[in-house]
Protein backbone atom coordinates (compact mmCIF):
# COMPACT_ATOMS: atom_id res chain seq x y z
CA MET A 1 0.00 0.00 0.00
CA PRO A 2 1.41 3.46 -0.88
CA ASP A 3 2.38 5.82 1.89
CA ALA A 4 -0.37 8.14 3.09
CA PRO A 5 -0.04 11.68 1.74
CA THR A 6 1.20 14.37 4.07
CA VAL A 7 -1.59 16.20 5.87
CA ARG A 8 -2.02 19.55 4.16
CA ASP A 9 -2.01 22.81 6.11
CA ASP A 10 -4.52 24.79 4.02
CA VAL A 11 -7.33 24.16 6.53
CA PRO A 12 -7.09 23.91 10.32
CA PRO A 13 -5.80 20.43 11.24
CA HIS A 14 -8.57 20.01 13.80
CA ALA A 15 -11.26 20.34 11.11
CA TRP A 16 -10.55 17.11 9.18
CA ALA A 17 -13.30 17.99 6.69
CA GLY A 18 -11.57 16.89 3.50
CA VAL A 19 -11.92 20.43 2.14
CA HIS A 20 -8.82 22.16 0.77
CA ARG A 21 -8.18 25.79 -0.09
CA GLY A 22 -5.51 27.72 -1.93
CA PRO A 23 -3.64 26.84 -5.13
CA LEU A 24 -4.15 23.41 -6.66
CA ARG A 25 -1.36 21.02 -5.69
CA PRO A 26 0.06 17.78 -7.04
CA GLY A 27 -1.74 14.79 -5.54
CA GLU A 28 -5.10 16.58 -5.32
CA TRP A 29 -8.11 15.60 -7.41
CA VAL A 30 -9.72 18.10 -9.78
CA ARG A 31 -13.04 18.06 -11.59
CA LEU A 32 -13.24 19.40 -15.14
CA THR A 33 -16.63 20.22 -16.68
CA ASP A 34 -16.93 20.87 -20.40
CA GLN A 35 -19.42 23.02 -22.33
CA LYS A 36 -21.92 20.14 -22.55
CA GLY A 37 -21.80 19.42 -18.83
CA ARG A 38 -19.63 16.31 -19.17
CA ARG A 39 -17.38 15.81 -16.16
CA HIS A 40 -13.86 14.45 -15.83
CA ASN A 41 -12.18 13.72 -12.50
CA PHE A 42 -8.49 12.96 -12.09
CA GLU A 43 -5.51 13.35 -9.79
CA LEU A 44 -3.02 16.10 -10.57
CA VAL A 45 0.44 14.74 -11.35
CA GLU A 46 3.34 16.93 -12.40
CA GLY A 47 4.34 16.39 -16.03
CA LYS A 48 1.20 14.41 -16.90
CA ARG A 49 -1.43 15.14 -19.58
CA PHE A 50 -5.21 14.90 -19.54
CA PHE A 51 -6.73 13.66 -22.82
CA SER A 52 -10.30 14.00 -24.09
CA ASN A 53 -12.13 14.18 -27.42
CA ARG A 54 -11.26 17.89 -27.40
CA GLY A 55 -7.51 17.48 -27.27
CA HIS A 56 -5.27 17.53 -24.23
CA LEU A 57 -4.34 19.65 -21.21
CA GLU A 58 -1.09 19.71 -19.28
CA HIS A 59 -1.53 19.06 -15.57
CA ASP A 60 1.18 21.65 -14.98
CA GLU A 61 -1.16 24.29 -16.46
CA LEU A 62 -3.58 23.61 -13.59
CA ILE A 63 -1.16 23.13 -10.69
CA GLY A 64 -0.54 26.32 -8.75
CA ARG A 65 -3.75 28.09 -9.78
CA GLU A 66 -6.73 28.91 -7.57
CA GLU A 67 -9.72 26.68 -8.35
CA GLY A 68 -12.70 28.18 -10.18
CA PHE A 69 -11.11 29.03 -13.52
CA THR A 70 -11.66 28.12 -17.18
CA VAL A 71 -8.94 26.45 -19.25
CA THR A 72 -8.77 25.71 -22.98
CA SER A 73 -7.50 22.39 -24.35
CA SER A 74 -5.22 21.93 -27.36
CA ALA A 75 -8.26 21.47 -29.66
CA GLY A 76 -10.19 24.46 -28.34
CA GLY A 77 -12.37 22.76 -25.72
CA GLU A 78 -13.21 24.87 -22.68
CA TYR A 79 -13.27 23.33 -19.19
CA LEU A 80 -14.32 24.68 -15.83
CA VAL A 81 -11.86 23.60 -13.10
CA PHE A 82 -12.74 23.04 -9.42
CA ARG A 83 -11.78 20.67 -6.66
CA PRO A 84 -14.54 18.02 -6.41
CA LEU A 85 -17.06 18.22 -3.60
CA LEU A 86 -17.47 15.12 -1.45
CA SER A 87 -20.64 14.19 -3.38
CA GLU A 88 -18.66 14.47 -6.62
CA PHE A 89 -15.56 12.68 -5.37
CA VAL A 90 -17.36 9.52 -4.22
CA VAL A 91 -19.09 8.85 -7.54
CA SER A 92 -15.83 9.12 -9.49
CA MET A 93 -13.25 7.60 -7.13
CA PRO A 94 -11.69 4.16 -7.76
CA ARG A 95 -14.03 1.36 -6.68
CA GLY A 96 -13.74 -2.08 -5.23
CA ALA A 97 -17.32 -2.60 -4.08
CA ALA A 98 -20.25 -0.44 -5.20
CA VAL A 99 -20.48 2.95 -3.52
CA VAL A 100 -23.26 4.40 -1.37
CA TYR A 101 -24.58 7.26 -3.50
CA PRO A 102 -24.64 10.81 -2.09
CA LYS A 103 -28.43 10.92 -1.84
CA ASP A 104 -28.39 7.86 0.41
CA ALA A 105 -25.32 8.94 2.39
CA ALA A 106 -27.06 12.23 3.17
CA GLN A 107 -30.17 10.38 4.34
CA ILE A 108 -28.09 8.09 6.53
CA VAL A 109 -26.24 10.99 8.17
CA ALA A 110 -29.53 12.84 8.80
CA MET A 111 -31.96 10.03 9.68
CA ALA A 112 -29.45 8.00 11.70
CA ASP A 113 -28.63 11.27 13.49
CA ILE A 114 -24.84 11.03 13.11
CA PHE A 115 -23.39 13.74 15.35
CA PRO A 116 -19.95 15.17 16.21
CA GLY A 117 -18.23 12.99 18.80
CA ALA A 118 -20.43 9.94 18.16
CA THR A 119 -19.14 6.38 18.20
CA VAL A 120 -20.33 4.80 14.96
CA VAL A 121 -19.87 1.30 13.55
CA GLU A 122 -20.08 0.66 9.82
CA ALA A 123 -20.27 -2.73 8.08
CA GLY A 124 -18.97 -3.00 5.41
CA ALA A 125 -16.61 -0.32 4.26
CA GLY A 126 -17.03 -1.02 0.54
CA SER A 127 -15.05 1.58 -1.41
CA GLY A 128 -15.09 4.14 1.42
CA ALA A 129 -17.79 6.47 0.08
CA LEU A 130 -20.05 6.30 3.14
CA SER A 131 -17.00 6.26 5.41
CA CYS A 132 -16.09 9.76 4.16
CA SER A 133 -19.54 11.12 5.03
CA LEU A 134 -19.58 9.43 8.43
CA LEU A 135 -16.09 10.69 9.30
CA ARG A 136 -17.00 14.23 8.34
CA ALA A 137 -20.09 13.97 10.58
CA VAL A 138 -18.43 12.47 13.68
CA GLY A 139 -15.38 14.74 13.40
CA PRO A 140 -11.91 14.11 14.79
CA HIS A 141 -13.24 13.65 18.34
CA GLY A 142 -15.70 10.91 17.43
CA GLN A 143 -14.95 7.37 16.30
CA LEU A 144 -15.87 5.37 13.23
CA VAL A 145 -15.10 1.66 13.32
CA SER A 146 -15.50 0.17 9.83
CA PHE A 147 -15.61 -3.61 9.38
CA GLU A 148 -14.89 -5.04 5.94
CA ARG A 149 -14.70 -8.77 5.24
CA ARG A 150 -12.57 -8.53 2.11
CA GLU A 151 -8.98 -7.29 2.32
CA GLU A 152 -8.99 -6.00 -1.27
CA PHE A 153 -12.07 -3.85 -0.61
CA ALA A 154 -10.52 -2.55 2.61
CA ASP A 155 -7.41 -1.51 0.67
CA VAL A 156 -9.49 0.45 -1.84
CA ALA A 157 -11.51 2.11 0.94
CA ARG A 158 -8.32 3.05 2.81
CA ARG A 159 -6.80 4.67 -0.27
CA ASN A 160 -9.96 6.60 -1.13
CA VAL A 161 -10.61 7.90 2.38
CA THR A 162 -6.95 8.87 2.84
CA GLN A 163 -6.97 10.61 -0.54
CA PHE A 164 -10.09 12.62 0.30
CA PHE A 165 -9.00 13.77 3.76
CA GLY A 166 -5.36 14.23 2.82
CA GLY A 167 -4.07 11.88 5.52
CA ASP A 168 -5.05 9.17 8.02
CA HIS A 169 -8.21 10.44 9.72
CA PRO A 170 -7.72 10.26 13.52
CA ALA A 171 -11.28 9.01 14.12
CA TRP A 172 -11.15 6.08 11.71
CA ASP A 173 -10.52 2.48 12.72
CA LEU A 174 -10.72 0.20 9.66
CA ARG A 175 -10.76 -3.50 10.48
CA VAL A 176 -10.77 -6.53 8.19
CA GLY A 177 -13.15 -9.10 9.60
CA ASP A 178 -16.75 -10.14 10.19
CA LEU A 179 -19.05 -7.85 12.18
CA VAL A 180 -20.71 -10.69 14.07
CA GLU A 181 -17.36 -11.95 15.31
CA GLN A 182 -15.65 -8.62 16.01
CA LEU A 183 -18.40 -6.29 17.23
CA PRO A 184 -18.52 -7.98 20.68
CA THR A 185 -14.83 -7.07 21.14
CA LEU A 186 -15.68 -3.35 21.41
CA THR A 187 -15.54 -2.40 25.07
CA GLU A 188 -17.80 0.67 25.03
CA PRO A 189 -21.45 1.02 23.92
CA VAL A 190 -21.97 2.26 20.36
CA ASP A 191 -24.18 5.21 19.44
CA ARG A 192 -24.99 4.27 15.85
CA ILE A 193 -24.56 1.17 13.66
CA ILE A 194 -24.82 1.28 9.87
CA LEU A 195 -25.30 -2.05 8.10
CA ASP A 196 -24.39 -1.96 4.40
CA MET A 197 -24.22 -5.69 3.78
CA LEU A 198 -25.94 -8.57 2.04
CA ALA A 199 -27.71 -10.12 5.06
CA PRO A 200 -27.98 -7.52 7.87
CA TRP A 201 -30.65 -9.58 9.66
CA GLU A 202 -27.92 -12.04 10.66
CA CYS A 203 -26.35 -9.29 12.80
CA VAL A 204 -29.40 -8.07 14.74
CA ASP A 205 -28.55 -9.86 18.00
CA VAL A 206 -24.96 -8.58 18.21
CA VAL A 207 -26.11 -5.11 17.12
CA ALA A 208 -28.64 -5.08 19.95
CA ASP A 209 -25.94 -6.04 22.45
CA ALA A 210 -23.55 -3.34 21.22
CA LEU A 211 -25.94 -0.40 20.87
CA ALA A 212 -26.46 1.99 23.77
CA PRO A 213 -30.11 2.49 24.82
CA GLY A 214 -31.56 5.06 22.44
CA GLY A 215 -28.93 4.22 19.83
CA ILE A 216 -29.89 3.80 16.19
CA VAL A 217 -29.35 0.97 13.74
CA CYS A 218 -29.62 1.83 10.04
CA ALA A 219 -29.68 -0.86 7.35
CA TYR A 220 -28.96 -0.17 3.67
CA VAL A 221 -30.37 -2.88 1.38
CA ALA A 222 -30.99 -3.13 -2.35
CA THR A 223 -33.99 -5.44 -2.82
CA THR A 224 -37.53 -5.77 -1.49
CA THR A 225 -36.83 -9.26 -0.14
CA GLN A 226 -33.89 -7.92 1.87
CA LEU A 227 -36.05 -5.03 3.04
CA SER A 228 -38.78 -7.37 4.29
CA ARG A 229 -36.34 -9.66 6.07
CA ILE A 230 -34.50 -6.95 8.01
CA VAL A 231 -37.71 -5.14 9.01
CA GLU A 232 -39.38 -8.31 10.25
CA THR A 233 -36.23 -9.47 12.07
CA LEU A 234 -35.98 -6.15 13.93
CA ARG A 235 -39.68 -6.44 14.86
CA ALA A 236 -39.34 -10.03 16.01
CA HIS A 237 -36.31 -9.20 18.17
CA GLY A 238 -38.47 -7.05 20.43
CA GLY A 239 -35.67 -4.77 21.62
CA PHE A 240 -36.11 -2.08 18.99
CA THR A 241 -38.74 0.49 18.15
CA GLU A 242 -40.93 -0.05 15.09
CA PRO A 243 -38.57 -0.11 12.06
CA GLN A 244 -38.98 2.76 9.61
CA PRO A 245 -38.32 1.79 5.95
CA TRP A 246 -38.10 4.24 3.03
CA GLU A 247 -36.24 5.17 -0.14
CA SER A 248 -35.36 8.54 -1.67
CA LEU A 249 -35.70 9.59 -5.30
CA VAL A 250 -33.96 12.65 -6.78
CA ARG A 251 -35.20 14.54 -9.85
CA ASP A 252 -33.51 17.58 -11.34
CA TRP A 253 -35.32 20.42 -13.15
CA HIS A 254 -34.69 22.27 -16.39
CA VAL A 255 -35.07 26.05 -15.95
CA GLU A 256 -34.65 28.48 -18.88
CA GLY A 257 -36.92 31.52 -18.88
CA LEU A 258 -40.46 30.23 -19.32
CA ALA A 259 -39.26 26.70 -20.06
CA VAL A 260 -39.50 25.22 -16.58
CA ARG A 261 -40.02 21.46 -16.47
CA PRO A 262 -38.69 18.30 -14.85
CA GLY A 263 -35.32 17.19 -16.18
CA HIS A 264 -34.97 14.14 -18.38
CA LYS A 265 -32.67 12.38 -15.93
CA MET A 266 -33.65 11.11 -12.51
CA ILE A 267 -31.77 9.22 -9.82
CA GLY A 268 -34.37 6.62 -8.96
CA HIS A 269 -34.01 3.53 -6.81
CA THR A 270 -30.55 2.88 -5.46
CA ALA A 271 -31.37 1.22 -2.13
CA PHE A 272 -33.84 1.01 0.74
CA LEU A 273 -33.03 2.42 4.17
CA VAL A 274 -34.38 1.13 7.48
CA THR A 275 -33.87 2.71 10.90
CA ALA A 276 -34.86 1.61 14.39
CA ARG A 277 -33.88 2.70 17.93
CA ARG A 278 -32.62 0.45 20.68
CA MET A 279 -34.87 0.05 23.71
CA ALA A 280 -33.44 -0.01 27.23
CA PRO A 281 -32.47 -3.51 28.49
CA GLY A 282 -35.54 -5.56 29.37
CA GLN A 283 -37.95 -3.07 27.77
CA ARG A 284 -40.21 -3.68 24.78
CA PRO A 285 -42.08 -1.19 22.59
CA PRO A 286 -45.87 -0.92 23.00
CA THR A 287 -47.96 -3.50 21.17
CA LYS A 288 -49.18 -2.20 17.83
CA LYS A 289 -52.91 -1.45 17.83
CA ARG A 290 -53.30 -1.70 14.09
CA ARG A 291 -53.86 -5.22 12.77
CA PRO A 292 -51.70 -6.38 9.83
CA ALA A 293 -53.34 -6.56 6.41
CA PRO A 294 -55.20 -9.81 5.66
CA GLY A 295 -52.74 -12.38 4.41
CA ALA A 296 -49.67 -10.38 5.45
CA TYR A 297 -48.52 -13.23 7.68
CA GLY A 298 -50.52 -15.95 5.93
CA PRO A 299 -49.47 -19.52 5.12
CA ASP A 300 -47.18 -18.35 2.31
CA TYR A 301 -45.16 -16.14 4.65
CA THR A 302 -42.16 -17.97 6.12
CA GLY A 303 -40.12 -15.12 7.61
CA PRO A 304 -39.76 -13.87 11.21
CA ARG A 305 -42.96 -13.03 13.08
CA PRO A 306 -43.44 -10.38 15.77
CA ALA A 307 -43.71 -12.06 19.18
CA ASP A 308 -46.97 -10.26 20.02
CA LEU A 309 -48.70 -11.23 16.74
CA PRO A 310 -51.97 -13.09 17.46
CA SER A 311 -51.79 -16.64 16.15
CA GLN A 312 -54.64 -16.19 13.66
CA VAL A 313 -53.77 -12.72 12.39
CA GLY A 314 -52.82 -12.81 8.74
CA LEU A 315 -54.25 -16.30 8.19
CA GLU A 316 -57.57 -15.05 6.81
CA THR A 317 -58.49 -16.03 3.29
CA THR A 318 -61.04 -14.55 0.95
CA GLU A 319 -63.61 -16.59 -0.93
CA GLY A 320 -65.18 -15.42 -4.16
């Protein structure tokens, strides 16, 4: 693994926000946007060239300049030059596993209530996209423990997070291993646990043991079958509040004078999110008053069942 870059001094060291100011420097990433809105992201390297269908640019022409300028390529193409924002960096950085998209990362930070100084556990680390958002939220005085089963994914995540922050973030503890096996080794209660994994329902018991009362678990899953399984497992456990599942959709708008309409592109389904809060030891949430829909827990349903579900609820059938 390459050595971590030297921590830059263009922002206060205690901030650890991943934001850099001043002239562009070798080793930093830049984001070029052409006249058609096409974007190119790359790392600045002295003596290197950037190539596109509009000719080439010398990296040395960009290094040393303040971001926010326009540059012309050898074939006359114009490009706007800025450092990438976090939301822009994570969708263009090198990947091992798939990334958590910015719209979902923002929802996780907000709805899981990630706060400065929090102790947060993440499983798995993937390519480090969500890790960057979580580290920015907890700050240098919090702690993020990221578990990743695969060494090669952990290596990619480590490089990406180190690249974004410009050094080894003091709040980050990246571990290669299985959450179920390693989470019990943490000696202090955890404030928040984020589960970005294939079968998060397999971790509910150890998550419940690790979370402080009032703590939040947030699961990030891709399919409806995964969504159903994690929600019902949290319900059946009995030590969490009613799980809240949702997804977010993002649509841009075209605005030119009187031509105001929805854009042609939309970021639709990427994943489902589920949150629930940990009850105090020995406490259970109130029994739901509302009966499940007929057939919801009928003979075809084979998943977990809430402990307080009446034996005949959901077994009704309809006859024509």
